[in-house]
Every structure is written in C-alpha cells, then in structure tokens.
PDB file of all heavy atoms in Angstrom:
ATOM      1  N   ALA A   1      13.361  15.729 -25.699  1.00  0.00           N
ATOM      2  CA  ALA A   1      14.535  15.958 -24.866  1.00  0.00           C
ATOM      3  C   ALA A   1      14.133  16.066 -23.396  1.00  0.00           C
ATOM      4  O   ALA A   1      14.804  15.521 -22.509  1.00  0.00           O
ATOM      5  CB  ALA A   1      15.241  17.237 -25.319  1.00  0.00           C
ATOM      6  N   LEU A   2      13.027  16.775 -23.138  1.00  0.00           N
ATOM      7  CA  LEU A   2      12.545  16.897 -21.768  1.00  0.00           C
ATOM      8  C   LEU A   2      12.115  15.541 -21.202  1.00  0.00           C
ATOM      9  O   LEU A   2      12.355  15.234 -20.038  1.00  0.00           O
ATOM     10  CB  LEU A   2      11.373  17.880 -21.708  1.00  0.00           C
ATOM     11  CG  LEU A   2      11.724  19.360 -21.917  1.00  0.00           C
ATOM     12  CD1 LEU A   2      10.448  20.191 -22.023  1.00  0.00           C
ATOM     13  CD2 LEU A   2      12.596  19.874 -20.765  1.00  0.00           C
ATOM     14  N   MET A   3      11.466  14.737 -22.059  1.00  0.00           N
ATOM     15  CA  MET A   3      11.013  13.424 -21.615  1.00  0.00           C
ATOM     16  C   MET A   3      12.205  12.523 -21.292  1.00  0.00           C
ATOM     17  O   MET A   3      12.171  11.768 -20.320  1.00  0.00           O
ATOM     18  CB  MET A   3      10.141  12.777 -22.690  1.00  0.00           C
ATOM     19  CG  MET A   3       8.770  13.429 -22.850  1.00  0.00           C
ATOM     20  SD  MET A   3       7.759  12.632 -24.114  1.00  0.00           S
ATOM     21  CE  MET A   3       7.555  11.013 -23.395  1.00  0.00           C
ATOM     22  N   ARG A   4      13.275  12.604 -22.143  1.00  0.00           N
ATOM     23  CA  ARG A   4      14.455  11.793 -21.873  1.00  0.00           C
ATOM     24  C   ARG A   4      15.144  12.241 -20.580  1.00  0.00           C
ATOM     25  O   ARG A   4      15.695  11.426 -19.843  1.00  0.00           O
ATOM     26  CB  ARG A   4      15.433  11.902 -23.052  1.00  0.00           C
ATOM     27  CG  ARG A   4      15.025  11.080 -24.270  1.00  0.00           C
ATOM     28  CD  ARG A   4      16.174  10.963 -25.246  1.00  0.00           C
ATOM     29  NE  ARG A   4      16.540  12.255 -25.813  1.00  0.00           N
ATOM     30  CZ  ARG A   4      16.025  12.779 -26.916  1.00  0.00           C
ATOM     31  NH1 ARG A   4      15.095  12.107 -27.582  1.00  0.00           N
ATOM     32  NH2 ARG A   4      16.413  13.956 -27.364  1.00  0.00           N
ATOM     33  N   ARG A   5      15.078  13.523 -20.291  1.00  0.00           N
ATOM     34  CA  ARG A   5      15.762  14.032 -19.113  1.00  0.00           C
ATOM     35  C   ARG A   5      14.955  13.846 -17.839  1.00  0.00           C
ATOM     36  O   ARG A   5      15.497  13.480 -16.789  1.00  0.00           O
ATOM     37  CB  ARG A   5      16.083  15.514 -19.307  1.00  0.00           C
ATOM     38  CG  ARG A   5      16.744  16.159 -18.082  1.00  0.00           C
ATOM     39  CD  ARG A   5      17.126  17.596 -18.323  1.00  0.00           C
ATOM     40  NE  ARG A   5      18.163  17.717 -19.359  1.00  0.00           N
ATOM     41  CZ  ARG A   5      18.725  18.875 -19.723  1.00  0.00           C
ATOM     42  NH1 ARG A   5      18.325  19.990 -19.134  1.00  0.00           N
ATOM     43  NH2 ARG A   5      19.643  18.911 -20.659  1.00  0.00           N
ATOM     44  N   TYR A   6      13.633  14.113 -17.908  1.00  0.00           N
ATOM     45  CA  TYR A   6      12.813  14.117 -16.696  1.00  0.00           C
ATOM     46  C   TYR A   6      11.721  13.042 -16.676  1.00  0.00           C
ATOM     47  O   TYR A   6      10.944  12.969 -15.725  1.00  0.00           O
ATOM     48  CB  TYR A   6      12.143  15.484 -16.522  1.00  0.00           C
ATOM     49  CG  TYR A   6      13.129  16.625 -16.430  1.00  0.00           C
ATOM     50  CD1 TYR A   6      13.235  17.572 -17.450  1.00  0.00           C
ATOM     51  CD2 TYR A   6      13.962  16.756 -15.313  1.00  0.00           C
ATOM     52  CE1 TYR A   6      14.147  18.613 -17.370  1.00  0.00           C
ATOM     53  CE2 TYR A   6      14.865  17.795 -15.220  1.00  0.00           C
ATOM     54  CZ  TYR A   6      14.955  18.728 -16.257  1.00  0.00           C
ATOM     55  OH  TYR A   6      15.859  19.754 -16.159  1.00  0.00           O
ATOM     56  N   GLY A   7      11.648  12.238 -17.720  1.00  0.00           N
ATOM     57  CA  GLY A   7      10.584  11.230 -17.784  1.00  0.00           C
ATOM     58  C   GLY A   7      10.613  10.245 -16.635  1.00  0.00           C
ATOM     59  O   GLY A   7       9.581   9.763 -16.166  1.00  0.00           O
ATOM     60  N   TRP A   8      11.826   9.929 -16.126  1.00  0.00           N
ATOM     61  CA  TRP A   8      11.945   8.983 -15.020  1.00  0.00           C
ATOM     62  C   TRP A   8      11.243   9.465 -13.761  1.00  0.00           C
ATOM     63  O   TRP A   8      10.788   8.669 -12.936  1.00  0.00           O
ATOM     64  CB  TRP A   8      13.431   8.732 -14.729  1.00  0.00           C
ATOM     65  CG  TRP A   8      14.163   9.949 -14.204  1.00  0.00           C
ATOM     66  CD1 TRP A   8      14.781  10.907 -14.930  1.00  0.00           C
ATOM     67  CD2 TRP A   8      14.304  10.326 -12.827  1.00  0.00           C
ATOM     68  NE1 TRP A   8      15.322  11.871 -14.123  1.00  0.00           N
ATOM     69  CE2 TRP A   8      15.053  11.538 -12.815  1.00  0.00           C
ATOM     70  CE3 TRP A   8      13.905   9.768 -11.625  1.00  0.00           C
ATOM     71  CZ2 TRP A   8      15.383  12.181 -11.630  1.00  0.00           C
ATOM     72  CZ3 TRP A   8      14.238  10.414 -10.442  1.00  0.00           C
ATOM     73  CH2 TRP A   8      14.967  11.604 -10.443  1.00  0.00           C
ATOM     74  N   ILE A   9      11.127  10.815 -13.652  1.00  0.00           N
ATOM     75  CA  ILE A   9      10.438  11.362 -12.472  1.00  0.00           C
ATOM     76  C   ILE A   9       8.957  10.996 -12.517  1.00  0.00           C
ATOM     77  O   ILE A   9       8.368  10.588 -11.510  1.00  0.00           O
ATOM     78  CB  ILE A   9      10.612  12.890 -12.407  1.00  0.00           C
ATOM     79  CG1 ILE A   9      12.098  13.247 -12.233  1.00  0.00           C
ATOM     80  CG2 ILE A   9       9.778  13.467 -11.272  1.00  0.00           C
ATOM     81  CD1 ILE A   9      12.374  14.727 -12.214  1.00  0.00           C
ATOM     82  N   ALA A  10       8.369  11.118 -13.698  1.00  0.00           N
ATOM     83  CA  ALA A  10       6.955  10.772 -13.850  1.00  0.00           C
ATOM     84  C   ALA A  10       6.730   9.285 -13.608  1.00  0.00           C
ATOM     85  O   ALA A  10       5.766   8.885 -12.930  1.00  0.00           O
ATOM     86  CB  ALA A  10       6.468  11.159 -15.242  1.00  0.00           C
ATOM     87  N   VAL A  11       7.638   8.464 -14.138  1.00  0.00           N
ATOM     88  CA  VAL A  11       7.521   7.021 -13.929  1.00  0.00           C
ATOM     89  C   VAL A  11       7.641   6.683 -12.446  1.00  0.00           C
ATOM     90  O   VAL A  11       6.877   5.881 -11.897  1.00  0.00           O
ATOM     91  CB  VAL A  11       8.594   6.264 -14.736  1.00  0.00           C
ATOM     92  CG1 VAL A  11       8.584   4.781 -14.392  1.00  0.00           C
ATOM     93  CG2 VAL A  11       8.378   6.466 -16.230  1.00  0.00           C
ATOM     94  N   LEU A  12       8.608   7.310 -11.776  1.00  0.00           N
ATOM     95  CA  LEU A  12       8.802   7.071 -10.360  1.00  0.00           C
ATOM     96  C   LEU A  12       7.579   7.502  -9.555  1.00  0.00           C
ATOM     97  O   LEU A  12       7.168   6.822  -8.603  1.00  0.00           O
ATOM     98  CB  LEU A  12      10.040   7.831  -9.875  1.00  0.00           C
ATOM     99  CG  LEU A  12      10.370   7.700  -8.377  1.00  0.00           C
ATOM    100  CD1 LEU A  12      10.628   6.242  -8.013  1.00  0.00           C
ATOM    101  CD2 LEU A  12      11.581   8.561  -8.025  1.00  0.00           C
ATOM    102  N   ALA A  13       6.990   8.633  -9.940  1.00  0.00           N
ATOM    103  CA  ALA A  13       5.806   9.124  -9.234  1.00  0.00           C
ATOM    104  C   ALA A  13       4.654   8.122  -9.349  1.00  0.00           C
ATOM    105  O   ALA A  13       3.949   7.846  -8.365  1.00  0.00           O
ATOM    106  CB  ALA A  13       5.383  10.477  -9.781  1.00  0.00           C
ATOM    107  N   VAL A  14       4.483   7.566 -10.559  1.00  0.00           N
ATOM    108  CA  VAL A  14       3.420   6.580 -10.760  1.00  0.00           C
ATOM    109  C   VAL A  14       3.673   5.342  -9.908  1.00  0.00           C
ATOM    110  O   VAL A  14       2.771   4.799  -9.256  1.00  0.00           O
ATOM    111  CB  VAL A  14       3.319   6.195 -12.251  1.00  0.00           C
ATOM    112  CG1 VAL A  14       2.365   5.008 -12.430  1.00  0.00           C
ATOM    113  CG2 VAL A  14       2.840   7.375 -13.074  1.00  0.00           C
ATOM    114  N   ILE A  15       4.934   4.876  -9.894  1.00  0.00           N
ATOM    115  CA  ILE A  15       5.283   3.698  -9.102  1.00  0.00           C
ATOM    116  C   ILE A  15       5.017   3.937  -7.617  1.00  0.00           C
ATOM    117  O   ILE A  15       4.480   3.078  -6.909  1.00  0.00           O
ATOM    118  CB  ILE A  15       6.763   3.319  -9.327  1.00  0.00           C
ATOM    119  CG1 ILE A  15       6.958   2.821 -10.766  1.00  0.00           C
ATOM    120  CG2 ILE A  15       7.206   2.249  -8.338  1.00  0.00           C
ATOM    121  CD1 ILE A  15       8.402   2.562 -11.121  1.00  0.00           C
ATOM    122  N   LEU A  16       5.395   5.136  -7.132  1.00  0.00           N
ATOM    123  CA  LEU A  16       5.191   5.451  -5.723  1.00  0.00           C
ATOM    124  C   LEU A  16       3.708   5.506  -5.367  1.00  0.00           C
ATOM    125  O   LEU A  16       3.293   5.036  -4.298  1.00  0.00           O
ATOM    126  CB  LEU A  16       5.868   6.788  -5.389  1.00  0.00           C
ATOM    127  CG  LEU A  16       7.400   6.771  -5.369  1.00  0.00           C
ATOM    128  CD1 LEU A  16       7.930   8.174  -5.145  1.00  0.00           C
ATOM    129  CD2 LEU A  16       7.919   5.827  -4.286  1.00  0.00           C
ATOM    130  N   ILE A  17       2.918   6.091  -6.259  1.00  0.00           N
ATOM    131  CA  ILE A  17       1.481   6.201  -6.000  1.00  0.00           C
ATOM    132  C   ILE A  17       0.835   4.819  -5.947  1.00  0.00           C
ATOM    133  O   ILE A  17       0.089   4.482  -5.023  1.00  0.00           O
ATOM    134  CB  ILE A  17       0.801   7.077  -7.063  1.00  0.00           C
ATOM    135  CG1 ILE A  17       1.260   8.539  -6.916  1.00  0.00           C
ATOM    136  CG2 ILE A  17      -0.715   6.982  -6.957  1.00  0.00           C
ATOM    137  CD1 ILE A  17       0.795   9.440  -8.033  1.00  0.00           C
ATOM    138  N   VAL A  18       1.131   3.999  -6.958  1.00  0.00           N
ATOM    139  CA  VAL A  18       0.552   2.650  -7.020  1.00  0.00           C
ATOM    140  C   VAL A  18       1.039   1.806  -5.842  1.00  0.00           C
ATOM    141  O   VAL A  18       0.273   1.116  -5.176  1.00  0.00           O
ATOM    142  CB  VAL A  18       0.901   1.970  -8.352  1.00  0.00           C
ATOM    143  CG1 VAL A  18       0.441   0.517  -8.354  1.00  0.00           C
ATOM    144  CG2 VAL A  18       0.259   2.722  -9.510  1.00  0.00           C
ATOM    145  N   GLY A  19       2.356   1.875  -5.594  1.00  0.00           N
ATOM    146  CA  GLY A  19       2.918   1.098  -4.489  1.00  0.00           C
ATOM    147  C   GLY A  19       2.379   1.539  -3.144  1.00  0.00           C
ATOM    148  O   GLY A  19       2.080   0.712  -2.276  1.00  0.00           O
ATOM    149  N   GLY A  20       2.229   2.853  -2.955  1.00  0.00           N
ATOM    150  CA  GLY A  20       1.706   3.363  -1.697  1.00  0.00           C
ATOM    151  C   GLY A  20       0.269   2.931  -1.463  1.00  0.00           C
ATOM    152  O   GLY A  20      -0.109   2.573  -0.345  1.00  0.00           O
ATOM    153  N   THR A  21      -0.532   2.946  -2.520  1.00  0.00           N
ATOM    154  CA  THR A  21      -1.927   2.508  -2.407  1.00  0.00           C
ATOM    155  C   THR A  21      -2.002   1.036  -2.040  1.00  0.00           C
ATOM    156  O   THR A  21      -2.780   0.629  -1.171  1.00  0.00           O
ATOM    157  CB  THR A  21      -2.673   2.759  -3.723  1.00  0.00           C
ATOM    158  OG1 THR A  21      -2.625   4.160  -4.038  1.00  0.00           O
ATOM    159  CG2 THR A  21      -4.120   2.326  -3.610  1.00  0.00           C
ATOM    160  N   ALA A  22      -1.180   0.228  -2.720  1.00  0.00           N
ATOM    161  CA  ALA A  22      -1.173  -1.206  -2.437  1.00  0.00           C
ATOM    162  C   ALA A  22      -0.736  -1.491  -1.001  1.00  0.00           C
ATOM    163  O   ALA A  22      -1.315  -2.327  -0.305  1.00  0.00           O
ATOM    164  CB  ALA A  22      -0.249  -1.927  -3.416  1.00  0.00           C
ATOM    165  N   TRP A  23       0.286  -0.775  -0.541  1.00  0.00           N
ATOM    166  CA  TRP A  23       0.775  -0.958   0.826  1.00  0.00           C
ATOM    167  C   TRP A  23      -0.284  -0.567   1.839  1.00  0.00           C
ATOM    168  O   TRP A  23      -0.478  -1.251   2.847  1.00  0.00           O
ATOM    169  CB  TRP A  23       2.041  -0.131   1.048  1.00  0.00           C
ATOM    170  CG  TRP A  23       2.421   0.019   2.491  1.00  0.00           C
ATOM    171  CD1 TRP A  23       2.219   1.095   3.297  1.00  0.00           C
ATOM    172  CD2 TRP A  23       3.030  -0.977   3.321  1.00  0.00           C
ATOM    173  NE1 TRP A  23       2.678   0.852   4.563  1.00  0.00           N
ATOM    174  CE2 TRP A  23       3.182  -0.414   4.617  1.00  0.00           C
ATOM    175  CE3 TRP A  23       3.465  -2.273   3.104  1.00  0.00           C
ATOM    176  CZ2 TRP A  23       3.744  -1.109   5.664  1.00  0.00           C
ATOM    177  CZ3 TRP A  23       4.033  -2.976   4.167  1.00  0.00           C
ATOM    178  CH2 TRP A  23       4.170  -2.390   5.416  1.00  0.00           C
ATOM    179  N   ASN A  24      -0.986   0.525   1.584  1.00  0.00           N
ATOM    180  CA  ASN A  24      -2.021   0.991   2.496  1.00  0.00           C
ATOM    181  C   ASN A  24      -3.157  -0.024   2.612  1.00  0.00           C
ATOM    182  O   ASN A  24      -3.641  -0.307   3.711  1.00  0.00           O
ATOM    183  CB  ASN A  24      -2.564   2.343   2.015  1.00  0.00           C
ATOM    184  CG  ASN A  24      -3.470   2.993   3.041  1.00  0.00           C
ATOM    185  OD1 ASN A  24      -3.158   3.048   4.216  1.00  0.00           O
ATOM    186  ND2 ASN A  24      -4.605   3.493   2.586  1.00  0.00           N
ATOM    187  N   GLU A  25      -3.569  -0.589   1.463  1.00  0.00           N
ATOM    188  CA  GLU A  25      -4.640  -1.584   1.474  1.00  0.00           C
ATOM    189  C   GLU A  25      -4.187  -2.853   2.188  1.00  0.00           C
ATOM    190  O   GLU A  25      -4.953  -3.471   2.929  1.00  0.00           O
ATOM    191  CB  GLU A  25      -5.074  -1.912   0.033  1.00  0.00           C
ATOM    192  CG  GLU A  25      -5.800  -0.779  -0.668  1.00  0.00           C
ATOM    193  CD  GLU A  25      -7.055  -0.359   0.077  1.00  0.00           C
ATOM    194  OE1 GLU A  25      -7.804  -1.242   0.545  1.00  0.00           O
ATOM    195  OE2 GLU A  25      -7.283   0.859   0.215  1.00  0.00           O
ATOM    196  N   TRP A  26      -2.924  -3.238   1.962  1.00  0.00           N
ATOM    197  CA  TRP A  26      -2.399  -4.435   2.627  1.00  0.00           C
ATOM    198  C   TRP A  26      -2.358  -4.234   4.141  1.00  0.00           C
ATOM    199  O   TRP A  26      -2.706  -5.128   4.909  1.00  0.00           O
ATOM    200  CB  TRP A  26      -1.000  -4.744   2.098  1.00  0.00           C
ATOM    201  CG  TRP A  26      -0.344  -5.910   2.768  1.00  0.00           C
ATOM    202  CD1 TRP A  26      -0.499  -7.238   2.458  1.00  0.00           C
ATOM    203  CD2 TRP A  26       0.562  -5.877   3.880  1.00  0.00           C
ATOM    204  NE1 TRP A  26       0.241  -8.025   3.297  1.00  0.00           N
ATOM    205  CE2 TRP A  26       0.915  -7.221   4.190  1.00  0.00           C
ATOM    206  CE3 TRP A  26       1.117  -4.848   4.643  1.00  0.00           C
ATOM    207  CZ2 TRP A  26       1.789  -7.542   5.218  1.00  0.00           C
ATOM    208  CZ3 TRP A  26       1.992  -5.183   5.676  1.00  0.00           C
ATOM    209  CH2 TRP A  26       2.316  -6.510   5.947  1.00  0.00           C
ATOM    210  N   ARG A  27      -1.925  -3.050   4.565  1.00  0.00           N
ATOM    211  CA  ARG A  27      -1.845  -2.758   5.990  1.00  0.00           C
ATOM    212  C   ARG A  27      -3.229  -2.773   6.624  1.00  0.00           C
ATOM    213  O   ARG A  27      -3.407  -3.286   7.737  1.00  0.00           O
ATOM    214  CB  ARG A  27      -1.171  -1.403   6.211  1.00  0.00           C
ATOM    215  CG  ARG A  27      -0.905  -1.092   7.687  1.00  0.00           C
ATOM    216  CD  ARG A  27      -0.257   0.260   7.830  1.00  0.00           C
ATOM    217  NE  ARG A  27      -1.137   1.309   7.322  1.00  0.00           N
ATOM    218  CZ  ARG A  27      -0.792   2.598   7.260  1.00  0.00           C
ATOM    219  NH1 ARG A  27       0.413   2.968   7.639  1.00  0.00           N
ATOM    220  NH2 ARG A  27      -1.642   3.499   6.810  1.00  0.00           N
ATOM    221  N   LYS A  28      -4.214  -2.209   5.935  1.00  0.00           N
ATOM    222  CA  LYS A  28      -5.575  -2.216   6.457  1.00  0.00           C
ATOM    223  C   LYS A  28      -6.089  -3.645   6.603  1.00  0.00           C
ATOM    224  O   LYS A  28      -6.740  -3.987   7.592  1.00  0.00           O
ATOM    225  CB  LYS A  28      -6.500  -1.425   5.527  1.00  0.00           C
ATOM    226  CG  LYS A  28      -6.326   0.080   5.592  1.00  0.00           C
ATOM    227  CD  LYS A  28      -7.296   0.770   4.646  1.00  0.00           C
ATOM    228  CE  LYS A  28      -7.139   2.289   4.695  1.00  0.00           C
ATOM    229  NZ  LYS A  28      -8.073   2.958   3.746  1.00  0.00           N
ATOM    230  N   ALA A  29      -5.803  -4.476   5.588  1.00  0.00           N
ATOM    231  CA  ALA A  29      -6.239  -5.874   5.638  1.00  0.00           C
ATOM    232  C   ALA A  29      -5.568  -6.609   6.795  1.00  0.00           C
ATOM    233  O   ALA A  29      -6.205  -7.409   7.490  1.00  0.00           O
ATOM    234  CB  ALA A  29      -5.918  -6.574   4.316  1.00  0.00           C
ATOM    235  N   GLN A  30      -4.284  -6.328   7.012  1.00  0.00           N
ATOM    236  CA  GLN A  30      -3.562  -6.964   8.114  1.00  0.00           C
ATOM    237  C   GLN A  30      -4.137  -6.543   9.467  1.00  0.00           C
ATOM    238  O   GLN A  30      -4.320  -7.366  10.362  1.00  0.00           O
ATOM    239  CB  GLN A  30      -2.072  -6.601   8.043  1.00  0.00           C
ATOM    240  CG  GLN A  30      -1.321  -7.243   6.897  1.00  0.00           C
ATOM    241  CD  GLN A  30      -1.196  -8.736   7.066  1.00  0.00           C
ATOM    242  OE1 GLN A  30      -1.908  -9.506   6.426  1.00  0.00           O
ATOM    243  NE2 GLN A  30      -0.299  -9.162   7.927  1.00  0.00           N
ATOM    244  N   ASP A  31      -4.406  -5.250   9.612  1.00  0.00           N
ATOM    245  CA  ASP A  31      -4.971  -4.742  10.870  1.00  0.00           C
ATOM    246  C   ASP A  31      -6.341  -5.351  11.129  1.00  0.00           C
ATOM    247  O   ASP A  31      -6.677  -5.710  12.265  1.00  0.00           O
ATOM    248  CB  ASP A  31      -5.076  -3.216  10.830  1.00  0.00           C
ATOM    249  CG  ASP A  31      -3.709  -2.540  10.862  1.00  0.00           C
ATOM    250  OD1 ASP A  31      -2.730  -3.220  11.213  1.00  0.00           O
ATOM    251  OD2 ASP A  31      -3.627  -1.346  10.518  1.00  0.00           O
ATOM    252  N   ARG A  32      -7.137  -5.442  10.058  1.00  0.00           N
ATOM    253  CA  ARG A  32      -8.477  -6.017  10.201  1.00  0.00           C
ATOM    254  C   ARG A  32      -8.404  -7.486  10.601  1.00  0.00           C
ATOM    255  O   ARG A  32      -9.131  -7.941  11.488  1.00  0.00           O
ATOM    256  CB  ARG A  32      -9.253  -5.843   8.896  1.00  0.00           C
ATOM    257  CG  ARG A  32     -10.689  -6.316   8.953  1.00  0.00           C
ATOM    258  CD  ARG A  32     -11.487  -5.784   7.772  1.00  0.00           C
ATOM    259  NE  ARG A  32     -10.877  -6.125   6.507  1.00  0.00           N
ATOM    260  CZ  ARG A  32     -10.287  -5.249   5.688  1.00  0.00           C
ATOM    261  NH1 ARG A  32     -10.228  -3.973   6.024  1.00  0.00           N
ATOM    262  NH2 ARG A  32      -9.771  -5.636   4.535  1.00  0.00           N
ATOM    263  N   ALA A  33      -7.514  -8.236   9.949  1.00  0.00           N
ATOM    264  CA  ALA A  33      -7.365  -9.657  10.264  1.00  0.00           C
ATOM    265  C   ALA A  33      -6.866  -9.846  11.698  1.00  0.00           C
ATOM    266  O   ALA A  33      -7.313 -10.750  12.414  1.00  0.00           O
ATOM    267  CB  ALA A  33      -6.398 -10.313   9.281  1.00  0.00           C
ATOM    268  N   GLN A  34      -5.955  -8.967  12.118  1.00  0.00           N
ATOM    269  CA  GLN A  34      -5.415  -9.045  13.473  1.00  0.00           C
ATOM    270  C   GLN A  34      -6.500  -8.771  14.507  1.00  0.00           C
ATOM    271  O   GLN A  34      -6.607  -9.465  15.524  1.00  0.00           O
ATOM    272  CB  GLN A  34      -4.270  -8.045  13.629  1.00  0.00           C
ATOM    273  CG  GLN A  34      -3.461  -8.192  14.905  1.00  0.00           C
ATOM    274  CD  GLN A  34      -2.301  -7.214  14.954  1.00  0.00           C
ATOM    275  OE1 GLN A  34      -2.475  -6.005  14.777  1.00  0.00           O
ATOM    276  NE2 GLN A  34      -1.106  -7.728  15.179  1.00  0.00           N
ATOM    277  N   ALA A  35      -7.323  -7.757  14.239  1.00  0.00           N
ATOM    278  CA  ALA A  35      -8.414  -7.423  15.160  1.00  0.00           C
ATOM    279  C   ALA A  35      -9.427  -8.561  15.234  1.00  0.00           C
ATOM    280  O   ALA A  35      -9.934  -8.895  16.319  1.00  0.00           O
ATOM    281  CB  ALA A  35      -9.092  -6.130  14.711  1.00  0.00           C
ATOM    282  N   GLU A  36      -9.738  -9.173  14.088  1.00  0.00           N
ATOM    283  CA  GLU A  36     -10.698 -10.268  14.072  1.00  0.00           C
ATOM    284  C   GLU A  36     -10.159 -11.486  14.816  1.00  0.00           C
ATOM    285  O   GLU A  36     -10.890 -12.165  15.540  1.00  0.00           O
ATOM    286  CB  GLU A  36     -11.055 -10.626  12.629  1.00  0.00           C
ATOM    287  CG  GLU A  36     -11.879  -9.557  11.922  1.00  0.00           C
ATOM    288  CD  GLU A  36     -12.102  -9.867  10.453  1.00  0.00           C
ATOM    289  OE1 GLU A  36     -11.497 -10.857   9.968  1.00  0.00           O
ATOM    290  OE2 GLU A  36     -12.864  -9.134   9.797  1.00  0.00           O
ATOM    291  N   ALA A  37      -8.860 -11.784  14.637  1.00  0.00           N
ATOM    292  CA  ALA A  37      -8.260 -12.918  15.338  1.00  0.00           C
ATOM    293  C   ALA A  37      -8.261 -12.681  16.853  1.00  0.00           C
ATOM    294  O   ALA A  37      -8.543 -13.591  17.638  1.00  0.00           O
ATOM    295  CB  ALA A  37      -6.833 -13.143  14.841  1.00  0.00           C
ATOM    296  N   PHE A  38      -7.967 -11.448  17.251  1.00  0.00           N
ATOM    297  CA  PHE A  38      -7.986 -11.092  18.674  1.00  0.00           C
ATOM    298  C   PHE A  38      -9.399 -11.220  19.224  1.00  0.00           C
ATOM    299  O   PHE A  38      -9.612 -11.747  20.325  1.00  0.00           O
ATOM    300  CB  PHE A  38      -7.455  -9.678  18.847  1.00  0.00           C
ATOM    301  CG  PHE A  38      -7.462  -9.179  20.260  1.00  0.00           C
ATOM    302  CD1 PHE A  38      -6.684  -9.783  21.234  1.00  0.00           C
ATOM    303  CD2 PHE A  38      -8.241  -8.078  20.620  1.00  0.00           C
ATOM    304  CE1 PHE A  38      -6.684  -9.317  22.545  1.00  0.00           C
ATOM    305  CE2 PHE A  38      -8.243  -7.612  21.918  1.00  0.00           C
ATOM    306  CZ  PHE A  38      -7.463  -8.229  22.881  1.00  0.00           C
ATOM    307  N   GLY A  39     -10.366 -10.744  18.455  1.00  0.00           N
ATOM    308  CA  GLY A  39     -11.763 -10.839  18.881  1.00  0.00           C
ATOM    309  C   GLY A  39     -12.215 -12.290  19.020  1.00  0.00           C
ATOM    310  O   GLY A  39     -12.912 -12.646  19.975  1.00  0.00           O
ATOM    311  N   ASP A  40     -11.805 -13.142  18.068  1.00  0.00           N
ATOM    312  CA  ASP A  40     -12.167 -14.561  18.150  1.00  0.00           C
ATOM    313  C   ASP A  40     -11.551 -15.208  19.390  1.00  0.00           C
ATOM    314  O   ASP A  40     -12.180 -16.051  20.043  1.00  0.00           O
ATOM    315  CB  ASP A  40     -11.691 -15.297  16.893  1.00  0.00           C
ATOM    316  CG  ASP A  40     -12.505 -14.929  15.660  1.00  0.00           C
ATOM    317  OD1 ASP A  40     -13.615 -14.387  15.827  1.00  0.00           O
ATOM    318  OD2 ASP A  40     -12.027 -15.187  14.537  1.00  0.00           O
ATOM    319  N   ALA A  41     -10.312 -14.822  19.718  1.00  0.00           N
ATOM    320  CA  ALA A  41      -9.657 -15.378  20.907  1.00  0.00           C
ATOM    321  C   ALA A  41     -10.409 -14.983  22.175  1.00  0.00           C
ATOM    322  O   ALA A  41     -10.583 -15.802  23.086  1.00  0.00           O
ATOM    323  CB  ALA A  41      -8.209 -14.902  20.978  1.00  0.00           C
ATOM    324  N   ILE A  42     -10.867 -13.731  22.229  1.00  0.00           N
ATOM    325  CA  ILE A  42     -11.622 -13.276  23.400  1.00  0.00           C
ATOM    326  C   ILE A  42     -12.956 -14.014  23.506  1.00  0.00           C
ATOM    327  O   ILE A  42     -13.347 -14.471  24.581  1.00  0.00           O
ATOM    328  CB  ILE A  42     -11.857 -11.758  23.333  1.00  0.00           C
ATOM    329  CG1 ILE A  42     -10.542 -11.001  23.546  1.00  0.00           C
ATOM    330  CG2 ILE A  42     -12.869 -11.327  24.391  1.00  0.00           C
ATOM    331  CD1 ILE A  42     -10.671  -9.505  23.468  1.00  0.00           C
ATOM    332  N   LEU A  43     -13.650 -14.140  22.368  1.00  0.00           N
ATOM    333  CA  LEU A  43     -14.929 -14.843  22.382  1.00  0.00           C
ATOM    334  C   LEU A  43     -14.748 -16.288  22.831  1.00  0.00           C
ATOM    335  O   LEU A  43     -15.573 -16.826  23.576  1.00  0.00           O
ATOM    336  CB  LEU A  43     -15.559 -14.807  20.983  1.00  0.00           C
ATOM    337  CG  LEU A  43     -16.089 -13.443  20.527  1.00  0.00           C
ATOM    338  CD1 LEU A  43     -16.547 -13.517  19.081  1.00  0.00           C
ATOM    339  CD2 LEU A  43     -17.226 -12.967  21.415  1.00  0.00           C
ATOM    340  N   GLY A  44     -13.660 -16.911  22.391  1.00  0.00           N
ATOM    341  CA  GLY A  44     -13.392 -18.270  22.821  1.00  0.00           C
ATOM    342  C   GLY A  44     -13.140 -18.346  24.317  1.00  0.00           C
ATOM    343  O   GLY A  44     -13.616 -19.269  24.994  1.00  0.00           O
TER     344      GLY A  44
END
C-alpha cells in the first residue's frame, strides 16, 4: 500500500538523479568544447 501511494516519489528521485548527472556531464563537455574552439581560434 505504501509503495502504491509513495512509490512514484522514489521513481522520480531516481529519474532526477540520473537526469541531473547526465545534464552536468553534457554541460561540462559543452564548456570544454567551447573553450577548446576558442583556444584554437586564438592560436590561429
């Protein structure tokens, strides 16, 4: 009964954790790529 009532909270928490981690890694990759592209432009 508790799982039927509150189980969605646990599922949502897992989704948020996984999604947040993925977003953080994507943002880091984007920042790194942006910095490298800027650096290449300066070197050129």
